[in-house]
Amino acid sequence: MRFPERTSVLIVGGGPVGLTLSVLLSGYGVPHLLVEAHPGTSHHPKARGVSARSMEIFRRCGLEEEIRRAGLPASQVSFYRGRDLVDPDFVRTGVSGQEGGVERTPSPGLICSQDALEPVLLRRARELAPDGIRFATRLLSFAEHGGGVRADGFHADGFHADGFHGGGSPAGGVHATVEDGATGERHTVRADWLVGCDGAASTVREGAGIAMEGPTGLGHYLSVRFEAPLGEVVADRASASYFLTPPGRGGFLAVDNDRHWIYQYPYDPAHEDIARLVADRPRLAELVRDAAGLPDLPVAVRSTMTWRMDARLASAYRRSRVLLAGDAAHTVPPTGGHGMNTGLGDADNLAWKLAAVVGGTAGEALLDSYEAERRPVARQVIDISLANSRARSGYRIDDELLLTAAYRSTAVLDTVPEPTDPTATVRPALDPEHTHPVGVPGTRLPHLRLAGPTGPASTLDLVGPGFTLLAPAVTEPAWRSQADTAAATGLPVAVRPLPPALLGADTPAGAVLVRPDGHIAWRAPHRPADETHMLTALRQILSAGWSRSEGRSPSTRLPHP
């Protein structure tokens, strides 16, 4: 295949976050190129927990059922604690979520290890963008070119004082050099936007001069993938994770709860020669047997991987035309299972904004709302995960934590102002106790079951791929006229009628405008005041604080696949 010389978005990194971003961009009709240095998907399970919010994203992409088939049965999504795998006094608990019989999602989370998840995502990404997915292709360098002077320090000659090549004018772009790992051939690609989904050691982040903040080396682990006939051993206690209590050391992760497993062995790099241990397969097998409590267990070690627990957050998610997502923007301790899922949320948030900017319906400053919305979420996830790692009595796995994300940015017209009292507590980005009001601007559209044997099963199924206006059936004609006015300017909005009871008592004749990522952008409590009532709100959301002094306005094209 001929290597593309030009694309709208260049994605660096083909893990779960990069592949999900590719699938989403294809859904919005955005041309893009994804490059991944490795020749194929991960052979190691790595991340395994796919949370409810991630499954909702995959539901929107049409991938939910395929991912469920690739994961563990729902009955095994539990967590075991015992001295070893045969401890008669073990404790087994389930995930946190749906307390009190409240169904908050149509798509509960599951365990699907990364080596099973990535092939599903890769197949869909290649179906949607056959020429846009290039594995065994490494980013070597990049530079940003463009004219003009910006307030962020980028100059007309495209060079920034910190060594990063800048520019960032509307006519600018990123010039990247990539190398084909099979042939050694190098190619230059020009992209309007560059997104680093290339992990904790991100080349993109380093090239953009974005610092990481937070502690490193909170723990060191050797991950041993092995085969052993443990299915019958754990038949009465099958779980997703097996945490070993003292004197046990480390824990087991189920790949299939039968023959395929991971043993996580904690080690001290100051006192253990881990390279020597990795090379000693008989010793690794003995470690597995000791931890399992089964001295005669036949063990075949298949692969190993060392990793370090960090808790770091990028100081910025955007530098001019370069953006970060996933582990490139945040490294989250695995205690809680939110690391990969936070990255998938990044991709969902960023994809529709890139589509609007590339399509010309939004000012570039809409992309600043990406950091404003997602960085506080990552900060809180890191803090929760750190607290979990220090909890002596264990911690709960909250499948629904990321459903509670509440955004505050210029891409949300919040009708509920924050308290003016400086001593008052500002609502955090996430709500672990599920006590915050739902259905307000910035929050995810609440899930409600819809009646009927056919058609959408949930209010979430009414959303996308563009903006969606939910209005009571009795006032639908007035709101449909609003949508016609918006469509005439190139901003199509799908109108979906709902019973007033589903919209809330405070919106009997009003409407709710939902973004493509399922978060509420605007809530109108009354009938429209004039023909441009919704259009004015929509333009404000898409302008996202973009400077009108520059004399530009968004064009009248909105991607609407």
Protein backbone atom coordinates (compact mmCIF):
# COMPACT_ATOMS: atom_id res chain seq x y z
CA MET A 1 0.00 0.00 0.00
CA ARG A 2 1.20 3.49 -0.86
CA PHE A 3 2.13 5.41 2.26
CA PRO A 4 -0.10 8.49 2.70
CA GLU A 5 1.66 11.84 2.57
CA ARG A 6 -1.18 13.85 4.07
CA THR A 7 -3.86 13.19 6.70
CA SER A 8 -6.09 15.13 9.04
CA VAL A 9 -5.06 13.30 12.21
CA LEU A 10 -1.93 11.25 12.89
CA ILE A 11 -2.36 8.82 15.81
CA VAL A 12 0.84 7.43 17.32
CA GLY A 13 0.21 4.22 19.24
CA GLY A 14 -1.94 1.20 18.41
CA GLY A 15 -2.98 0.02 21.85
CA PRO A 16 -6.59 0.09 23.09
CA VAL A 17 -6.71 3.91 23.27
CA GLY A 18 -5.22 4.57 19.85
CA LEU A 19 -7.33 1.89 18.17
CA THR A 20 -10.51 3.17 19.84
CA LEU A 21 -9.69 6.71 18.71
CA SER A 22 -9.26 5.38 15.16
CA VAL A 23 -12.64 3.61 15.24
CA LEU A 24 -14.36 6.73 16.57
CA LEU A 25 -12.72 9.06 14.04
CA SER A 26 -13.79 6.74 11.23
CA GLY A 27 -17.33 6.92 12.56
CA TYR A 28 -17.17 10.71 12.29
CA GLY A 29 -15.70 10.53 8.80
CA VAL A 30 -12.30 11.98 9.76
CA PRO A 31 -9.32 10.89 7.60
CA HIS A 32 -6.50 9.67 9.81
CA LEU A 33 -3.39 7.53 9.98
CA LEU A 34 -2.41 5.33 12.93
CA VAL A 35 1.19 4.14 13.32
CA GLU A 36 2.33 1.55 15.87
CA ALA A 37 5.95 0.49 16.38
CA HIS A 38 5.14 -3.12 17.29
CA PRO A 39 4.43 -5.59 14.48
CA GLY A 40 1.18 -6.78 16.04
CA THR A 41 -1.15 -6.52 19.01
CA SER A 42 -0.08 -7.31 22.57
CA HIS A 43 0.76 -10.93 23.44
CA HIS A 44 0.54 -10.14 27.16
CA PRO A 45 -2.80 -9.58 28.91
CA LYS A 46 -1.70 -6.30 30.58
CA ALA A 47 -4.90 -4.35 31.35
CA ARG A 48 -7.99 -6.55 31.75
CA GLY A 49 -10.89 -4.66 33.31
CA VAL A 50 -13.23 -2.96 30.84
CA SER A 51 -15.53 -0.72 32.86
CA ALA A 52 -19.17 0.09 32.26
CA ARG A 53 -18.39 3.46 30.71
CA SER A 54 -15.92 1.88 28.30
CA MET A 55 -18.51 -0.72 27.36
CA GLU A 56 -20.97 2.08 26.63
CA ILE A 57 -18.42 3.57 24.24
CA PHE A 58 -17.97 0.19 22.57
CA ARG A 59 -21.77 -0.20 22.44
CA ARG A 60 -21.93 3.04 20.43
CA CYS A 61 -19.23 1.64 18.12
CA GLY A 62 -21.17 -1.60 17.58
CA LEU A 63 -18.50 -3.67 19.35
CA GLU A 64 -20.11 -4.50 22.69
CA GLU A 65 -21.25 -8.04 21.91
CA GLU A 66 -17.98 -9.06 20.24
CA ILE A 67 -15.98 -7.83 23.21
CA ARG A 68 -18.27 -9.68 25.61
CA ARG A 69 -17.64 -12.89 23.68
CA ALA A 70 -13.89 -12.32 24.03
CA GLY A 71 -14.06 -11.74 27.80
CA LEU A 72 -14.71 -13.80 30.92
CA PRO A 73 -18.30 -14.76 31.80
CA ALA A 74 -20.05 -12.23 34.02
CA SER A 75 -20.33 -14.85 36.79
CA GLN A 76 -16.53 -14.80 37.15
CA VAL A 77 -16.16 -11.04 37.61
CA SER A 78 -15.41 -11.37 41.31
CA PHE A 79 -12.36 -10.84 43.51
CA TYR A 80 -10.76 -13.49 45.69
CA ARG A 81 -8.69 -13.00 48.82
CA GLY A 82 -6.83 -15.85 50.50
CA ARG A 83 -3.39 -17.04 51.54
CA ASP A 84 -3.14 -19.12 48.34
CA LEU A 85 -5.50 -20.53 45.72
CA VAL A 86 -6.58 -23.44 47.96
CA ASP A 87 -7.16 -21.48 51.17
CA PRO A 88 -10.38 -22.89 52.74
CA ASP A 89 -11.00 -19.54 54.47
CA PHE A 90 -11.04 -17.46 51.31
CA VAL A 91 -13.26 -14.39 50.80
CA ARG A 92 -14.89 -13.68 47.43
CA THR A 93 -16.53 -10.34 46.62
CA GLY A 94 -18.16 -8.84 43.55
CA VAL A 95 -17.69 -5.48 41.87
CA SER A 96 -19.32 -2.34 43.18
CA GLY A 97 -22.25 -1.07 41.14
CA GLN A 98 -26.04 -1.11 40.75
CA GLU A 99 -26.51 -0.82 44.52
CA GLY A 100 -30.10 -0.73 45.67
CA GLY A 101 -31.34 -2.28 42.47
CA VAL A 102 -30.68 0.90 40.48
CA GLU A 103 -29.66 0.10 36.92
CA ARG A 104 -27.32 2.89 35.83
CA THR A 105 -26.09 1.37 32.58
CA PRO A 106 -27.20 -1.09 29.90
CA SER A 107 -23.58 -2.16 29.46
CA PRO A 108 -21.95 -3.39 32.69
CA GLY A 109 -18.21 -3.91 32.67
CA LEU A 110 -16.37 -7.17 32.22
CA ILE A 111 -12.94 -8.74 32.23
CA CYS A 112 -11.40 -8.85 28.75
CA SER A 113 -7.62 -8.99 28.78
CA GLN A 114 -5.74 -6.64 26.50
CA ASP A 115 -4.40 -9.43 24.30
CA ALA A 116 -8.02 -10.42 23.55
CA LEU A 117 -9.40 -6.86 23.33
CA GLU A 118 -6.85 -5.40 20.94
CA PRO A 119 -7.50 -7.83 18.04
CA VAL A 120 -11.23 -6.95 18.18
CA LEU A 121 -10.44 -3.25 18.00
CA LEU A 122 -7.82 -3.73 15.30
CA ARG A 123 -10.20 -5.66 13.05
CA ARG A 124 -12.80 -2.90 13.27
CA ALA A 125 -10.23 -0.13 12.80
CA ARG A 126 -8.95 -1.82 9.63
CA GLU A 127 -12.47 -2.41 8.33
CA LEU A 128 -13.25 1.29 8.66
CA ALA A 129 -9.85 2.66 7.57
CA PRO A 130 -8.13 -0.06 5.47
CA ASP A 131 -5.21 2.17 4.44
CA GLY A 132 -4.99 4.05 7.71
CA ILE A 133 -3.61 1.46 10.15
CA ARG A 134 0.15 0.81 9.93
CA PHE A 135 1.79 -1.49 12.46
CA ALA A 136 5.58 -2.06 12.51
CA THR A 137 5.87 1.67 11.82
CA ARG A 138 7.77 3.85 14.26
CA LEU A 139 7.60 7.60 14.78
CA LEU A 140 11.14 9.00 14.54
CA SER A 141 10.55 12.73 14.88
CA PHE A 142 8.06 15.49 14.24
CA ALA A 143 8.03 19.24 13.83
CA GLU A 144 5.19 21.69 13.62
CA HIS A 145 5.15 24.28 10.85
CA GLY A 146 2.99 27.30 10.22
CA GLY A 147 2.99 31.07 10.20
CA GLY A 148 1.92 33.63 12.71
CA VAL A 149 2.72 34.38 16.33
CA ARG A 150 0.75 32.83 19.18
CA ALA A 151 0.44 33.74 22.82
CA ASP A 152 1.80 30.35 23.82
CA GLY A 153 5.29 31.22 22.58
CA PHE A 154 5.29 29.64 19.14
CA HIS A 155 6.83 31.94 16.55
CA ALA A 156 6.37 32.48 12.84
CA ASP A 157 9.52 30.55 11.99
CA GLY A 158 8.02 27.47 13.66
CA PHE A 159 10.61 27.16 16.42
CA HIS A 160 9.85 27.29 20.10
CA ALA A 161 12.42 28.23 22.72
CA ASP A 162 12.13 24.90 24.55
CA GLY A 163 13.26 23.00 21.47
CA PHE A 164 9.85 21.95 20.24
CA HIS A 165 8.96 23.10 16.75
CA GLY A 166 5.82 25.19 16.89
CA GLY A 167 3.57 27.33 14.79
CA GLY A 168 -0.02 26.32 15.07
CA SER A 169 -1.70 28.78 12.73
CA PRO A 170 -4.79 27.55 10.88
CA ALA A 171 -2.61 26.89 7.81
CA GLY A 172 -0.02 25.00 9.85
CA GLY A 173 0.43 21.33 10.49
CA VAL A 174 2.68 18.68 11.92
CA HIS A 175 5.35 17.10 9.73
CA ALA A 176 6.25 13.66 11.08
CA THR A 177 8.95 11.24 10.00
CA VAL A 178 8.10 7.56 10.42
CA GLU A 179 10.05 4.40 9.65
CA ASP A 180 8.79 1.10 8.27
CA GLY A 181 10.23 -1.54 10.59
CA ALA A 182 10.21 -4.23 7.91
CA THR A 183 12.01 -2.32 5.15
CA GLY A 184 13.73 0.52 7.00
CA GLU A 185 12.12 2.95 4.56
CA ARG A 186 11.30 6.39 5.95
CA HIS A 187 8.27 8.49 5.10
CA THR A 188 7.21 12.04 5.84
CA VAL A 189 3.57 12.60 6.75
CA ARG A 190 1.89 15.97 7.14
CA ALA A 191 -1.05 16.01 9.54
CA ASP A 192 -3.28 18.77 10.83
CA TRP A 193 -3.20 17.22 14.30
CA LEU A 194 -0.95 14.73 16.09
CA VAL A 195 -2.29 12.60 18.96
CA GLY A 196 0.12 10.71 21.20
CA CYS A 197 -1.45 7.43 22.38
CA ASP A 198 2.01 5.89 22.75
CA GLY A 199 2.07 4.99 26.41
CA ALA A 200 3.88 6.04 29.56
CA ALA A 201 7.24 6.48 27.76
CA SER A 202 5.55 8.62 25.10
CA THR A 203 7.77 9.85 22.27
CA VAL A 204 5.09 12.38 21.37
CA ARG A 205 4.92 13.81 24.88
CA GLU A 206 8.69 14.10 25.07
CA GLY A 207 8.87 15.75 21.64
CA ALA A 208 6.20 18.24 22.65
CA GLY A 209 8.12 19.17 25.80
CA ILE A 210 5.24 18.29 28.13
CA ALA A 211 6.32 17.31 31.64
CA MET A 212 4.90 14.54 33.81
CA GLU A 213 4.18 15.23 37.47
CA GLY A 214 3.90 12.72 40.30
CA PRO A 215 5.71 9.84 42.03
CA THR A 216 7.33 6.88 40.28
CA GLY A 217 8.52 3.50 41.52
CA LEU A 218 5.67 2.96 43.99
CA GLY A 219 6.07 -0.74 43.33
CA HIS A 220 7.89 -3.11 41.00
CA TYR A 221 6.34 -6.27 39.61
CA LEU A 222 7.23 -9.25 37.48
CA SER A 223 4.26 -10.45 35.45
CA VAL A 224 4.56 -14.16 34.59
CA ARG A 225 2.23 -15.59 31.98
CA PHE A 226 1.92 -19.35 32.40
CA GLU A 227 -0.20 -22.39 31.65
CA ALA A 228 -1.36 -24.75 34.39
CA PRO A 229 -4.43 -26.93 34.96
CA LEU A 230 -6.06 -24.72 37.59
CA GLY A 231 -9.63 -24.77 36.30
CA GLU A 232 -10.82 -27.52 38.64
CA VAL A 233 -8.85 -26.04 41.55
CA VAL A 234 -10.74 -22.74 41.41
CA ALA A 235 -14.08 -24.10 40.20
CA ASP A 236 -15.82 -23.16 43.48
CA ARG A 237 -14.12 -19.75 43.73
CA ALA A 238 -13.65 -18.60 40.12
CA SER A 239 -12.77 -14.91 40.07
CA ALA A 240 -11.17 -12.28 37.88
CA SER A 241 -8.34 -11.53 40.31
CA TYR A 242 -6.89 -13.56 43.16
CA PHE A 243 -5.28 -11.35 45.81
CA LEU A 244 -2.94 -13.23 48.15
CA THR A 245 -2.96 -12.30 51.81
CA PRO A 246 0.11 -12.83 54.06
CA PRO A 247 2.08 -14.99 54.03
CA GLY A 248 1.12 -15.18 50.36
CA ARG A 249 2.94 -12.84 48.00
CA GLY A 250 1.49 -11.12 44.95
CA GLY A 251 -1.58 -12.43 43.20
CA PHE A 252 -3.05 -14.26 40.21
CA LEU A 253 -5.01 -12.83 37.29
CA ALA A 254 -7.33 -15.11 35.36
CA VAL A 255 -6.99 -15.10 31.59
CA ASP A 256 -9.54 -17.89 31.04
CA ASN A 257 -9.89 -19.32 34.59
CA ASP A 258 -8.80 -22.65 33.22
CA ARG A 259 -5.29 -23.12 31.82
CA HIS A 260 -4.08 -19.58 31.08
CA TRP A 261 -2.97 -17.33 33.95
CA ILE A 262 -0.83 -14.43 35.07
CA TYR A 263 1.12 -14.41 38.31
CA GLN A 264 2.06 -10.94 39.57
CA TYR A 265 5.21 -11.17 41.67
CA PRO A 266 6.24 -8.05 43.62
CA TYR A 267 9.97 -7.52 43.92
CA ASP A 268 12.49 -5.06 45.30
CA PRO A 269 14.94 -3.98 42.57
CA ALA A 270 17.48 -2.99 45.21
CA HIS A 271 17.69 -6.53 46.59
CA GLU A 272 16.64 -8.87 43.77
CA ASP A 273 18.35 -9.53 40.46
CA ILE A 274 15.22 -9.58 38.35
CA ALA A 275 17.07 -10.22 35.07
CA ARG A 276 18.57 -13.37 36.55
CA LEU A 277 15.18 -14.48 37.85
CA VAL A 278 13.51 -13.93 34.46
CA ALA A 279 16.14 -16.13 32.82
CA ASP A 280 15.53 -18.97 35.31
CA ARG A 281 12.31 -20.62 34.09
CA PRO A 282 12.39 -23.47 36.67
CA ARG A 283 12.63 -20.90 39.46
CA LEU A 284 9.67 -18.95 38.00
CA ALA A 285 7.59 -22.14 37.90
CA GLU A 286 8.51 -22.77 41.55
CA LEU A 287 7.34 -19.25 42.49
CA VAL A 288 3.99 -19.97 40.86
CA ARG A 289 3.61 -23.29 42.70
CA ASP A 290 4.48 -21.71 46.04
CA ALA A 291 2.01 -18.85 45.54
CA ALA A 292 -0.75 -21.24 44.43
CA GLY A 293 -0.20 -23.55 47.39
CA LEU A 294 0.14 -26.51 45.03
CA PRO A 295 3.67 -28.01 45.22
CA ASP A 296 2.98 -30.59 42.48
CA LEU A 297 1.28 -28.23 40.01
CA PRO A 298 2.66 -28.63 36.45
CA VAL A 299 3.57 -25.12 35.25
CA ALA A 300 4.68 -23.99 31.79
CA VAL A 301 5.99 -20.41 31.75
CA ARG A 302 5.10 -18.71 28.45
CA SER A 303 6.29 -15.11 28.82
CA THR A 304 7.31 -12.47 31.33
CA MET A 305 7.07 -8.70 31.62
CA THR A 306 8.35 -6.33 34.30
CA TRP A 307 6.47 -3.15 35.15
CA ARG A 308 6.62 -0.30 37.61
CA MET A 309 3.76 1.33 39.48
CA ASP A 310 3.70 5.09 38.88
CA ALA A 311 1.12 7.79 39.61
CA ARG A 312 1.85 10.57 37.16
CA LEU A 313 -0.13 13.19 35.29
CA ALA A 314 0.90 15.30 32.30
CA SER A 315 1.17 19.01 33.03
CA ALA A 316 -0.81 19.67 29.84
CA TYR A 317 -2.86 17.59 27.41
CA ARG A 318 -2.30 19.88 24.46
CA ARG A 319 0.64 21.80 23.05
CA SER A 320 -0.57 23.67 19.97
CA ARG A 321 -1.34 20.94 17.38
CA VAL A 322 -0.16 18.03 19.54
CA LEU A 323 -2.48 16.24 21.98
CA LEU A 324 -2.01 13.39 24.45
CA ALA A 325 -4.34 10.56 25.42
CA GLY A 326 -4.19 7.44 27.57
CA ASP A 327 -0.97 6.53 29.39
CA ALA A 328 0.87 9.27 27.50
CA ALA A 329 -1.22 11.72 29.55
CA HIS A 330 -1.57 9.79 32.82
CA THR A 331 -0.07 6.69 34.42
CA VAL A 332 -2.53 5.24 36.90
CA PRO A 333 -1.78 2.59 39.55
CA PRO A 334 -3.67 -0.59 38.56
CA THR A 335 -5.34 -0.81 41.98
CA GLY A 336 -8.91 -0.21 40.90
CA GLY A 337 -8.75 -1.10 37.23
CA HIS A 338 -9.26 2.42 35.90
CA GLY A 339 -6.07 3.10 33.94
CA MET A 340 -7.00 1.85 30.47
CA ASN A 341 -10.60 2.92 30.98
CA THR A 342 -9.57 6.49 31.71
CA GLY A 343 -7.66 6.46 28.41
CA LEU A 344 -10.68 5.11 26.51
CA GLY A 345 -12.68 8.01 27.94
CA ASP A 346 -10.00 10.37 26.63
CA ALA A 347 -10.45 8.96 23.11
CA ASP A 348 -14.22 9.34 23.30
CA ASN A 349 -13.97 12.95 24.47
CA LEU A 350 -11.32 13.93 21.94
CA ALA A 351 -12.68 12.22 18.82
CA TRP A 352 -15.82 14.32 18.31
CA LYS A 353 -13.94 17.54 19.05
CA LEU A 354 -11.27 16.73 16.47
CA ALA A 355 -14.09 15.91 14.03
CA ALA A 356 -15.76 19.27 14.63
CA VAL A 357 -12.50 21.19 14.23
CA VAL A 358 -11.39 19.23 11.15
CA GLY A 359 -14.89 19.63 9.69
CA GLY A 360 -14.72 23.38 10.19
CA THR A 361 -17.67 23.76 12.54
CA ALA A 362 -15.67 24.58 15.66
CA GLY A 363 -12.86 26.91 16.58
CA GLU A 364 -9.55 25.29 17.48
CA ALA A 365 -10.08 26.32 21.09
CA LEU A 366 -12.72 23.58 21.37
CA LEU A 367 -9.72 21.28 21.78
CA ASP A 368 -8.73 23.16 24.93
CA SER A 369 -11.92 21.85 26.52
CA TYR A 370 -10.44 18.36 26.14
CA GLU A 371 -7.84 19.04 28.84
CA ALA A 372 -10.31 21.03 30.94
CA GLU A 373 -12.68 18.06 31.03
CA ARG A 374 -10.39 15.04 31.08
CA ARG A 375 -7.43 16.12 33.23
CA PRO A 376 -9.52 16.52 36.43
CA VAL A 377 -10.94 13.03 35.85
CA ALA A 378 -7.44 11.55 35.56
CA ARG A 379 -6.30 13.46 38.65
CA GLN A 380 -9.11 11.98 40.73
CA VAL A 381 -8.66 8.48 39.30
CA ILE A 382 -4.97 8.60 40.24
CA ASP A 383 -5.81 9.72 43.77
CA ILE A 384 -8.43 6.98 44.23
CA SER A 385 -6.07 4.34 42.85
CA LEU A 386 -3.24 5.50 45.14
CA ALA A 387 -5.55 5.27 48.14
CA ASN A 388 -6.51 1.74 47.05
CA SER A 389 -2.86 0.71 46.82
CA ARG A 390 -2.32 1.76 50.44
CA ALA A 391 -5.49 0.16 51.86
CA ARG A 392 -4.49 -2.66 54.20
CA SER A 393 -7.93 -4.26 54.25
CA GLY A 394 -8.42 -4.25 50.51
CA TYR A 395 -10.49 -1.99 48.29
CA ARG A 396 -13.59 -2.14 46.17
CA ILE A 397 -13.64 -2.31 42.38
CA ASP A 398 -16.13 0.33 41.26
CA ASP A 399 -17.34 -0.64 37.80
CA GLU A 400 -19.50 2.48 37.57
CA LEU A 401 -17.09 5.13 38.84
CA LEU A 402 -16.39 6.60 35.41
CA LEU A 403 -20.11 6.89 34.66
CA THR A 404 -20.17 9.75 37.15
CA ALA A 405 -17.78 12.06 35.28
CA ALA A 406 -19.09 15.63 35.35
CA TYR A 407 -17.41 18.05 32.96
CA ARG A 408 -16.99 21.80 33.39
CA SER A 409 -15.61 23.60 30.37
CA THR A 410 -16.51 25.97 27.59
CA ALA A 411 -18.05 23.00 25.75
CA VAL A 412 -20.78 22.81 28.43
CA LEU A 413 -23.39 25.50 29.07
CA ASP A 414 -23.95 24.83 32.75
CA THR A 415 -27.21 26.18 34.11
CA VAL A 416 -26.19 25.16 37.65
CA PRO A 417 -23.53 27.67 38.77
CA GLU A 418 -20.84 26.66 41.19
CA PRO A 419 -21.13 28.14 44.69
CA THR A 420 -19.73 31.66 45.05
CA ASP A 421 -18.79 31.07 48.68
CA PRO A 422 -14.98 30.55 48.63
CA THR A 423 -15.29 28.06 51.51
CA ALA A 424 -17.85 25.91 49.68
CA THR A 425 -16.79 22.60 48.19
CA VAL A 426 -16.69 22.49 44.40
CA ARG A 427 -18.23 19.36 42.93
CA PRO A 428 -15.38 16.96 42.01
CA ALA A 429 -15.05 15.49 38.53
CA LEU A 430 -16.07 12.01 39.73
CA ASP A 431 -18.65 10.97 42.31
CA PRO A 432 -17.73 7.62 43.94
CA GLU A 433 -20.77 7.79 46.23
CA HIS A 434 -23.24 8.56 43.41
CA THR A 435 -24.69 11.49 45.36
CA HIS A 436 -24.38 14.24 42.76
CA PRO A 437 -27.40 15.32 40.71
CA VAL A 438 -27.72 13.53 37.38
CA GLY A 439 -29.03 14.93 34.13
CA VAL A 440 -27.40 18.34 34.55
CA PRO A 441 -25.11 19.88 31.90
CA GLY A 442 -21.68 18.28 31.93
CA THR A 443 -22.87 14.89 33.19
CA ARG A 444 -23.46 11.81 31.09
CA LEU A 445 -27.01 11.38 29.83
CA PRO A 446 -28.69 9.06 32.37
CA HIS A 447 -29.55 5.56 31.23
CA LEU A 448 -33.24 4.74 31.25
CA ARG A 449 -34.81 1.65 29.76
CA LEU A 450 -37.08 2.33 26.79
CA ALA A 451 -40.23 0.29 26.34
CA GLY A 452 -40.87 -1.83 23.28
CA PRO A 453 -39.57 -5.13 21.90
CA THR A 454 -37.70 -3.45 19.03
CA GLY A 455 -35.74 -0.26 18.60
CA PRO A 456 -33.45 1.47 21.11
CA ALA A 457 -33.23 -0.28 24.46
CA SER A 458 -31.77 2.67 26.37
CA THR A 459 -31.78 6.44 26.24
CA LEU A 460 -28.05 6.08 25.51
CA ASP A 461 -28.92 4.40 22.21
CA LEU A 462 -30.55 7.63 21.03
CA VAL A 463 -27.24 9.51 21.04
CA GLY A 464 -24.92 10.22 18.12
CA PRO A 465 -23.12 10.30 15.88
CA GLY A 466 -23.67 14.08 15.95
CA PHE A 467 -25.51 16.26 18.45
CA THR A 468 -28.87 14.95 19.67
CA LEU A 469 -31.79 16.97 21.03
CA LEU A 470 -34.13 15.10 23.37
CA ALA A 471 -37.48 16.85 23.62
CA PRO A 472 -40.92 15.95 24.96
CA ALA A 473 -43.22 14.68 22.25
CA VAL A 474 -45.77 17.44 22.87
CA THR A 475 -43.27 20.19 22.00
CA GLU A 476 -41.29 18.24 19.41
CA PRO A 477 -42.51 20.40 16.46
CA ALA A 478 -41.12 23.58 18.06
CA TRP A 479 -37.76 21.95 18.71
CA ARG A 480 -37.68 20.33 15.29
CA SER A 481 -38.02 23.83 13.84
CA GLN A 482 -34.98 24.78 15.93
CA ALA A 483 -33.09 21.85 14.43
CA ASP A 484 -34.09 22.92 10.92
CA THR A 485 -32.68 26.37 11.60
CA ALA A 486 -29.40 24.84 12.78
CA ALA A 487 -29.24 22.46 9.82
CA ALA A 488 -29.66 25.38 7.41
CA THR A 489 -26.35 26.74 8.73
CA GLY A 490 -24.60 23.38 8.40
CA LEU A 491 -25.07 22.22 12.01
CA PRO A 492 -27.39 19.19 11.87
CA VAL A 493 -28.98 18.03 15.11
CA ALA A 494 -31.07 14.87 15.43
CA VAL A 495 -34.31 15.41 17.35
CA ARG A 496 -35.59 12.50 19.43
CA PRO A 497 -38.99 12.72 21.18
CA LEU A 498 -39.26 11.35 24.70
CA PRO A 499 -42.04 11.26 27.30
CA PRO A 500 -41.75 14.35 29.57
CA ALA A 501 -41.25 12.13 32.62
CA LEU A 502 -37.95 10.92 31.18
CA LEU A 503 -36.65 14.47 30.80
CA GLY A 504 -37.23 15.54 34.40
CA ALA A 505 -39.81 17.63 36.18
CA ASP A 506 -37.90 20.86 35.52
CA THR A 507 -38.02 20.38 31.74
CA PRO A 508 -41.70 19.76 30.91
CA ALA A 509 -41.58 21.79 27.69
CA GLY A 510 -37.85 22.22 27.28
CA ALA A 511 -35.16 19.98 25.84
CA VAL A 512 -31.76 18.46 26.48
CA LEU A 513 -28.91 18.83 23.97
CA VAL A 514 -26.52 15.88 24.11
CA ARG A 515 -23.00 15.85 22.67
CA PRO A 516 -21.72 13.00 20.49
CA ASP A 517 -19.91 11.53 23.52
CA GLY A 518 -23.17 11.22 25.45
CA HIS A 519 -22.59 14.12 27.84
CA ILE A 520 -25.25 16.80 28.23
CA ALA A 521 -24.10 20.07 26.68
CA TRP A 522 -27.13 22.25 27.38
CA ARG A 523 -30.50 22.04 29.07
CA ALA A 524 -33.38 24.32 28.08
CA PRO A 525 -36.09 24.37 30.76
CA HIS A 526 -38.70 26.08 28.54
CA ARG A 527 -39.94 26.25 24.98
CA PRO A 528 -37.51 27.97 22.60
CA ALA A 529 -37.60 31.76 22.91
CA ASP A 530 -36.92 32.38 19.21
CA GLU A 531 -35.93 30.53 16.03
CA THR A 532 -32.20 30.66 16.85
CA HIS A 533 -32.45 29.70 20.52
CA MET A 534 -30.73 26.33 20.11
CA LEU A 535 -28.42 27.50 17.32
CA THR A 536 -26.99 30.20 19.59
CA ALA A 537 -26.27 27.61 22.30
CA LEU A 538 -24.77 25.17 19.80
CA ARG A 539 -22.43 27.78 18.33
CA GLN A 540 -21.31 28.78 21.80
CA ILE A 541 -20.53 25.15 22.66
CA LEU A 542 -18.58 24.61 19.44
CA SER A 543 -16.74 27.93 19.62
CA ALA A 544 -15.49 26.89 23.04
CA GLY A 545 -13.95 30.19 24.07
CA TRP A 546 -12.27 30.76 20.71
CA SER A 547 -11.10 34.35 20.34
CA ARG A 548 -13.48 36.44 18.26
CA SER A 549 -10.81 39.14 18.10
CA GLU A 550 -9.05 36.97 15.54
CA GLY A 551 -11.83 37.80 13.10
CA ARG A 552 -12.69 34.17 12.35
CA SER A 553 -15.80 32.11 12.89
CA PRO A 554 -16.51 28.44 12.52
CA SER A 555 -17.53 27.38 9.03
CA THR A 556 -20.97 25.92 8.50
CA ARG A 557 -19.96 22.30 8.00
CA LEU A 558 -20.50 19.66 10.63
CA PRO A 559 -19.37 16.05 10.15
CA HIS A 560 -22.57 14.02 10.19
CA PRO A 561 -21.90 10.46 8.98
